[in-house]
Amino acid sequence: GAGMGMTAPVSITAFPAEDGSLQQKVKVSLRIPSQYQASPPCPSDESIKIEERQGMTIYSTQFGGYAKEVDYVSYAAKLKAALGSEAAYCKDFYLCNGYDPPMKPYGRRNEVWFVKE
């Protein structure tokens, strides 16, 4: 029953296939606002789960515009190429992050994160 509004970033956990495309399985995560973090309200929808995300170190790249799946896949490939074979990061998934409301036409911020192992 509590309205929290939208938070940023909206984070989508993407699971890449062997060819670099994304599998249909994704997980969307929203940040709980600070005033609710100590005691988050219980979701009324059973498909919504509250998870605590532990601290992590990430490798990141940023890009603008209205991000589509093809953009996240492309920037993930660029980040992978920039890191080369020496960087240790989780290869099973990566995070696609958007920071802006849909109505914002300019100066949009999107990021791809690889979680360091």
N, C-alpha and C. Protein backbone atom coordinates (compact mmCIF):
# COMPACT_ATOMS: atom_id res chain seq x y z
N GLY A 1 0.80 -1.21 0.00
CA GLY A 1 0.00 0.00 0.00
C GLY A 1 0.84 1.27 0.00
N ALA A 2 2.16 1.15 0.06
CA ALA A 2 3.01 2.35 0.06
C ALA A 2 3.42 2.67 -1.36
N GLY A 3 3.26 3.92 -1.76
CA GLY A 3 3.72 4.37 -3.08
C GLY A 3 5.13 4.93 -2.94
N MET A 4 6.08 4.36 -3.67
CA MET A 4 7.46 4.79 -3.53
C MET A 4 7.97 5.58 -4.72
N GLY A 5 7.24 5.62 -5.81
CA GLY A 5 7.75 6.32 -6.98
C GLY A 5 8.86 5.53 -7.65
N MET A 6 9.35 6.03 -8.74
CA MET A 6 10.40 5.36 -9.50
C MET A 6 11.77 5.75 -8.97
N THR A 7 12.68 4.80 -8.97
CA THR A 7 14.05 5.07 -8.53
C THR A 7 15.01 4.78 -9.67
N ALA A 8 16.22 5.23 -9.53
CA ALA A 8 17.23 5.00 -10.56
C ALA A 8 18.47 4.43 -9.90
N PRO A 9 19.17 3.56 -10.58
CA PRO A 9 18.83 3.08 -11.92
C PRO A 9 17.83 1.93 -11.88
N VAL A 10 17.17 1.73 -13.01
CA VAL A 10 16.43 0.50 -13.24
C VAL A 10 17.48 -0.46 -13.79
N SER A 11 17.64 -1.58 -13.14
CA SER A 11 18.71 -2.51 -13.47
C SER A 11 18.11 -3.82 -13.98
N ILE A 12 18.52 -4.22 -15.16
CA ILE A 12 18.06 -5.47 -15.76
C ILE A 12 19.23 -6.43 -15.79
N THR A 13 19.07 -7.58 -15.15
CA THR A 13 20.10 -8.62 -15.21
C THR A 13 19.86 -9.40 -16.49
N ALA A 14 20.84 -9.35 -17.38
CA ALA A 14 20.75 -10.01 -18.68
C ALA A 14 21.63 -11.25 -18.68
N PHE A 15 21.13 -12.29 -19.31
CA PHE A 15 21.87 -13.55 -19.38
C PHE A 15 22.23 -13.80 -20.84
N PRO A 16 23.50 -13.58 -21.22
CA PRO A 16 23.88 -13.71 -22.63
C PRO A 16 23.94 -15.16 -23.09
N ALA A 17 23.52 -15.38 -24.34
CA ALA A 17 23.68 -16.68 -24.98
C ALA A 17 25.11 -16.76 -25.51
N GLU A 18 25.50 -17.90 -26.03
CA GLU A 18 26.87 -18.08 -26.52
C GLU A 18 27.21 -17.13 -27.65
N ASP A 19 26.22 -16.74 -28.47
CA ASP A 19 26.48 -15.84 -29.59
C ASP A 19 26.45 -14.37 -29.18
N GLY A 20 26.25 -14.08 -27.88
CA GLY A 20 26.23 -12.71 -27.39
C GLY A 20 24.84 -12.12 -27.28
N SER A 21 23.84 -12.72 -27.98
CA SER A 21 22.47 -12.23 -27.85
C SER A 21 21.96 -12.54 -26.45
N LEU A 22 20.85 -11.94 -26.09
CA LEU A 22 20.32 -12.14 -24.74
C LEU A 22 19.25 -13.22 -24.73
N GLN A 23 19.30 -14.06 -23.71
CA GLN A 23 18.25 -15.05 -23.52
C GLN A 23 16.97 -14.32 -23.10
N GLN A 24 15.85 -14.97 -23.25
CA GLN A 24 14.57 -14.35 -22.89
C GLN A 24 14.41 -14.15 -21.38
N LYS A 25 15.21 -14.87 -20.60
CA LYS A 25 15.16 -14.75 -19.14
C LYS A 25 15.88 -13.48 -18.71
N VAL A 26 15.19 -12.59 -18.03
CA VAL A 26 15.80 -11.38 -17.46
C VAL A 26 15.23 -11.17 -16.06
N LYS A 27 15.92 -10.37 -15.28
CA LYS A 27 15.44 -9.99 -13.95
C LYS A 27 15.54 -8.47 -13.85
N VAL A 28 14.43 -7.82 -13.54
CA VAL A 28 14.40 -6.37 -13.40
C VAL A 28 14.48 -6.02 -11.92
N SER A 29 15.39 -5.09 -11.59
CA SER A 29 15.58 -4.69 -10.19
C SER A 29 15.40 -3.19 -10.07
N LEU A 30 14.71 -2.80 -9.01
CA LEU A 30 14.51 -1.38 -8.69
C LEU A 30 15.07 -1.14 -7.30
N ARG A 31 15.68 0.01 -7.13
CA ARG A 31 16.25 0.37 -5.82
C ARG A 31 15.12 0.83 -4.90
N ILE A 32 15.14 0.33 -3.68
CA ILE A 32 14.17 0.78 -2.68
C ILE A 32 14.68 2.10 -2.12
N PRO A 33 13.84 3.14 -2.09
CA PRO A 33 14.29 4.44 -1.56
C PRO A 33 14.84 4.33 -0.14
N SER A 34 15.74 5.23 0.19
CA SER A 34 16.46 5.20 1.47
C SER A 34 15.55 5.09 2.68
N GLN A 35 14.45 5.85 2.67
CA GLN A 35 13.59 5.86 3.86
C GLN A 35 12.88 4.52 4.09
N TYR A 36 12.87 3.62 3.11
CA TYR A 36 12.22 2.31 3.26
C TYR A 36 13.22 1.17 3.40
N GLN A 37 14.52 1.42 3.29
CA GLN A 37 15.48 0.33 3.25
C GLN A 37 15.59 -0.44 4.56
N ALA A 38 15.45 0.20 5.68
CA ALA A 38 15.55 -0.50 6.97
C ALA A 38 14.39 -1.47 7.16
N SER A 39 13.23 -1.10 6.65
CA SER A 39 12.04 -1.93 6.81
C SER A 39 11.16 -1.79 5.57
N PRO A 40 11.52 -2.48 4.48
CA PRO A 40 10.75 -2.34 3.24
C PRO A 40 9.33 -2.89 3.39
N PRO A 41 8.36 -2.24 2.75
CA PRO A 41 6.99 -2.77 2.79
C PRO A 41 6.93 -4.11 2.04
N CYS A 42 6.06 -4.98 2.47
CA CYS A 42 5.91 -6.29 1.82
C CYS A 42 5.18 -6.14 0.50
N PRO A 43 5.71 -6.72 -0.58
CA PRO A 43 5.03 -6.65 -1.87
C PRO A 43 3.70 -7.40 -1.82
N SER A 44 2.69 -6.86 -2.50
CA SER A 44 1.39 -7.53 -2.56
C SER A 44 1.34 -8.54 -3.70
N ASP A 45 2.30 -8.49 -4.60
CA ASP A 45 2.38 -9.41 -5.74
C ASP A 45 3.45 -10.46 -5.42
N GLU A 46 3.07 -11.74 -5.50
CA GLU A 46 4.00 -12.82 -5.14
C GLU A 46 5.21 -12.92 -6.07
N SER A 47 5.11 -12.37 -7.27
CA SER A 47 6.24 -12.45 -8.20
C SER A 47 7.32 -11.42 -7.89
N ILE A 48 7.03 -10.51 -6.97
CA ILE A 48 8.00 -9.48 -6.58
C ILE A 48 8.71 -9.92 -5.32
N LYS A 49 10.03 -9.92 -5.37
CA LYS A 49 10.85 -10.34 -4.24
C LYS A 49 11.74 -9.18 -3.80
N ILE A 50 12.02 -9.10 -2.53
CA ILE A 50 12.96 -8.11 -2.01
C ILE A 50 14.28 -8.83 -1.79
N GLU A 51 15.33 -8.32 -2.42
CA GLU A 51 16.67 -8.89 -2.29
C GLU A 51 17.62 -7.81 -1.81
N GLU A 52 18.56 -8.20 -0.99
CA GLU A 52 19.61 -7.28 -0.61
C GLU A 52 20.81 -7.56 -1.50
N ARG A 53 21.23 -6.55 -2.21
CA ARG A 53 22.39 -6.69 -3.11
C ARG A 53 23.64 -6.33 -2.32
N GLN A 54 24.56 -7.25 -2.25
CA GLN A 54 25.81 -7.01 -1.55
C GLN A 54 26.67 -6.02 -2.34
N GLY A 55 27.62 -5.42 -1.66
CA GLY A 55 28.54 -4.53 -2.34
C GLY A 55 29.29 -5.29 -3.43
N MET A 56 29.62 -4.62 -4.51
CA MET A 56 30.32 -5.27 -5.61
C MET A 56 31.22 -4.26 -6.29
N THR A 57 32.22 -4.78 -6.96
CA THR A 57 33.08 -3.98 -7.81
C THR A 57 32.69 -4.30 -9.24
N ILE A 58 32.55 -3.28 -10.05
CA ILE A 58 32.08 -3.50 -11.42
C ILE A 58 33.04 -2.88 -12.44
N TYR A 59 32.99 -3.42 -13.64
CA TYR A 59 33.56 -2.79 -14.82
C TYR A 59 32.36 -2.22 -15.55
N SER A 60 32.46 -0.97 -16.01
CA SER A 60 31.29 -0.30 -16.55
C SER A 60 31.61 0.48 -17.82
N THR A 61 30.61 0.60 -18.67
CA THR A 61 30.68 1.52 -19.80
C THR A 61 29.35 2.26 -19.87
N GLN A 62 29.39 3.49 -20.35
CA GLN A 62 28.22 4.36 -20.37
C GLN A 62 27.93 4.79 -21.80
N PHE A 63 26.63 4.96 -22.11
CA PHE A 63 26.22 5.46 -23.42
C PHE A 63 24.89 6.20 -23.29
N GLY A 64 24.56 6.99 -24.28
CA GLY A 64 23.34 7.80 -24.24
C GLY A 64 22.25 7.26 -25.14
N GLY A 65 21.17 8.03 -25.24
CA GLY A 65 20.06 7.69 -26.11
C GLY A 65 19.04 6.79 -25.45
N TYR A 66 18.00 6.46 -26.22
CA TYR A 66 16.99 5.51 -25.77
C TYR A 66 17.54 4.11 -26.00
N ALA A 67 17.94 3.42 -24.95
CA ALA A 67 18.62 2.13 -25.06
C ALA A 67 17.64 1.02 -25.42
N LYS A 68 18.05 0.22 -26.38
CA LYS A 68 17.31 -0.99 -26.76
C LYS A 68 18.21 -2.18 -26.47
N GLU A 69 17.65 -3.37 -26.61
CA GLU A 69 18.42 -4.58 -26.36
C GLU A 69 19.69 -4.61 -27.21
N VAL A 70 19.57 -4.24 -28.48
CA VAL A 70 20.73 -4.27 -29.38
C VAL A 70 21.84 -3.34 -28.88
N ASP A 71 21.47 -2.23 -28.26
CA ASP A 71 22.47 -1.29 -27.72
C ASP A 71 23.21 -1.92 -26.54
N TYR A 72 22.47 -2.53 -25.63
CA TYR A 72 23.11 -3.17 -24.48
C TYR A 72 24.04 -4.30 -24.93
N VAL A 73 23.59 -5.10 -25.90
CA VAL A 73 24.43 -6.20 -26.42
C VAL A 73 25.69 -5.63 -27.05
N SER A 74 25.54 -4.56 -27.83
CA SER A 74 26.69 -3.94 -28.50
C SER A 74 27.69 -3.37 -27.50
N TYR A 75 27.20 -2.63 -26.50
CA TYR A 75 28.11 -2.04 -25.52
C TYR A 75 28.71 -3.09 -24.60
N ALA A 76 28.00 -4.19 -24.34
CA ALA A 76 28.59 -5.29 -23.57
C ALA A 76 29.75 -5.90 -24.35
N ALA A 77 29.58 -6.05 -25.67
CA ALA A 77 30.67 -6.60 -26.51
C ALA A 77 31.86 -5.65 -26.52
N LYS A 78 31.61 -4.33 -26.57
CA LYS A 78 32.69 -3.35 -26.54
C LYS A 78 33.43 -3.39 -25.20
N LEU A 79 32.68 -3.52 -24.11
CA LEU A 79 33.29 -3.58 -22.80
C LEU A 79 34.13 -4.86 -22.68
N LYS A 80 33.60 -5.96 -23.15
CA LYS A 80 34.33 -7.23 -23.13
C LYS A 80 35.65 -7.10 -23.90
N ALA A 81 35.60 -6.49 -25.09
CA ALA A 81 36.80 -6.31 -25.91
C ALA A 81 37.81 -5.39 -25.20
N ALA A 82 37.31 -4.32 -24.57
CA ALA A 82 38.20 -3.39 -23.88
C ALA A 82 38.89 -4.05 -22.69
N LEU A 83 38.21 -4.95 -22.01
CA LEU A 83 38.78 -5.62 -20.84
C LEU A 83 39.79 -6.70 -21.24
N GLY A 84 39.59 -7.29 -22.41
CA GLY A 84 40.50 -8.34 -22.85
C GLY A 84 40.35 -9.59 -22.01
N SER A 85 41.34 -10.43 -22.08
CA SER A 85 41.26 -11.73 -21.39
C SER A 85 41.82 -11.70 -19.97
N GLU A 86 42.43 -10.61 -19.58
CA GLU A 86 43.07 -10.54 -18.26
C GLU A 86 42.09 -10.24 -17.12
N ALA A 87 41.01 -9.53 -17.40
CA ALA A 87 40.08 -9.12 -16.34
C ALA A 87 39.19 -10.30 -15.94
N ALA A 88 39.04 -10.50 -14.64
CA ALA A 88 38.18 -11.57 -14.12
C ALA A 88 36.82 -10.98 -13.75
N TYR A 89 35.78 -11.39 -14.46
CA TYR A 89 34.43 -10.94 -14.17
C TYR A 89 33.46 -12.07 -14.47
N CYS A 90 32.27 -11.98 -13.91
CA CYS A 90 31.26 -13.01 -14.08
C CYS A 90 30.78 -13.00 -15.54
N LYS A 91 30.84 -14.14 -16.18
CA LYS A 91 30.46 -14.24 -17.59
C LYS A 91 29.02 -14.74 -17.78
N ASP A 92 28.37 -15.17 -16.68
CA ASP A 92 27.02 -15.74 -16.77
C ASP A 92 25.93 -14.69 -16.95
N PHE A 93 26.20 -13.46 -16.54
CA PHE A 93 25.21 -12.40 -16.62
C PHE A 93 25.92 -11.05 -16.63
N TYR A 94 25.21 -10.02 -17.02
CA TYR A 94 25.67 -8.65 -16.81
C TYR A 94 24.46 -7.78 -16.54
N LEU A 95 24.69 -6.57 -16.09
CA LEU A 95 23.61 -5.67 -15.70
C LEU A 95 23.49 -4.53 -16.69
N CYS A 96 22.25 -4.31 -17.13
CA CYS A 96 21.91 -3.21 -18.05
C CYS A 96 21.15 -2.17 -17.22
N ASN A 97 21.66 -0.95 -17.17
CA ASN A 97 21.10 0.06 -16.27
C ASN A 97 20.64 1.29 -17.03
N GLY A 98 19.45 1.76 -16.70
CA GLY A 98 18.91 3.00 -17.25
C GLY A 98 18.60 3.95 -16.11
N TYR A 99 18.94 5.21 -16.30
CA TYR A 99 18.79 6.18 -15.22
C TYR A 99 17.70 7.21 -15.44
N ASP A 100 17.06 7.23 -16.60
CA ASP A 100 16.17 8.34 -16.94
C ASP A 100 14.73 7.91 -17.18
N PRO A 101 13.78 8.81 -16.87
CA PRO A 101 12.38 8.51 -17.18
C PRO A 101 12.16 8.51 -18.70
N PRO A 102 11.16 7.80 -19.17
CA PRO A 102 10.93 7.71 -20.62
C PRO A 102 10.70 9.06 -21.31
N MET A 103 10.21 10.05 -20.56
CA MET A 103 9.90 11.35 -21.16
C MET A 103 11.13 12.23 -21.38
N LYS A 104 12.27 11.84 -20.89
CA LYS A 104 13.48 12.66 -21.04
C LYS A 104 14.09 12.40 -22.41
N PRO A 105 14.05 13.38 -23.33
CA PRO A 105 14.52 13.12 -24.69
C PRO A 105 16.03 13.27 -24.88
N TYR A 106 16.70 14.10 -24.07
CA TYR A 106 18.12 14.38 -24.29
C TYR A 106 18.92 14.12 -23.03
N GLY A 107 20.21 13.86 -23.22
CA GLY A 107 21.11 13.68 -22.07
C GLY A 107 20.83 12.40 -21.30
N ARG A 108 20.35 11.39 -21.98
CA ARG A 108 20.02 10.12 -21.32
C ARG A 108 21.30 9.36 -20.94
N ARG A 109 21.22 8.59 -19.85
CA ARG A 109 22.38 7.83 -19.36
C ARG A 109 22.01 6.36 -19.21
N ASN A 110 22.79 5.53 -19.83
CA ASN A 110 22.64 4.07 -19.74
C ASN A 110 24.02 3.49 -19.47
N GLU A 111 24.06 2.35 -18.78
CA GLU A 111 25.34 1.71 -18.48
C GLU A 111 25.21 0.20 -18.60
N VAL A 112 26.32 -0.43 -18.92
CA VAL A 112 26.47 -1.89 -18.86
C VAL A 112 27.48 -2.16 -17.77
N TRP A 113 27.14 -3.08 -16.85
CA TRP A 113 28.05 -3.44 -15.77
C TRP A 113 28.42 -4.91 -15.86
N PHE A 114 29.70 -5.20 -15.74
CA PHE A 114 30.20 -6.55 -15.52
C PHE A 114 30.66 -6.61 -14.08
N VAL A 115 30.26 -7.63 -13.34
CA VAL A 115 30.62 -7.76 -11.93
C VAL A 115 31.98 -8.46 -11.82
N LYS A 116 32.91 -7.78 -11.17
CA LYS A 116 34.26 -8.33 -10.99
C LYS A 116 34.22 -9.53 -10.06
N GLU A 117 34.98 -10.56 -10.42
CA GLU A 117 35.06 -11.76 -9.56
C GLU A 117 36.14 -11.59 -8.51
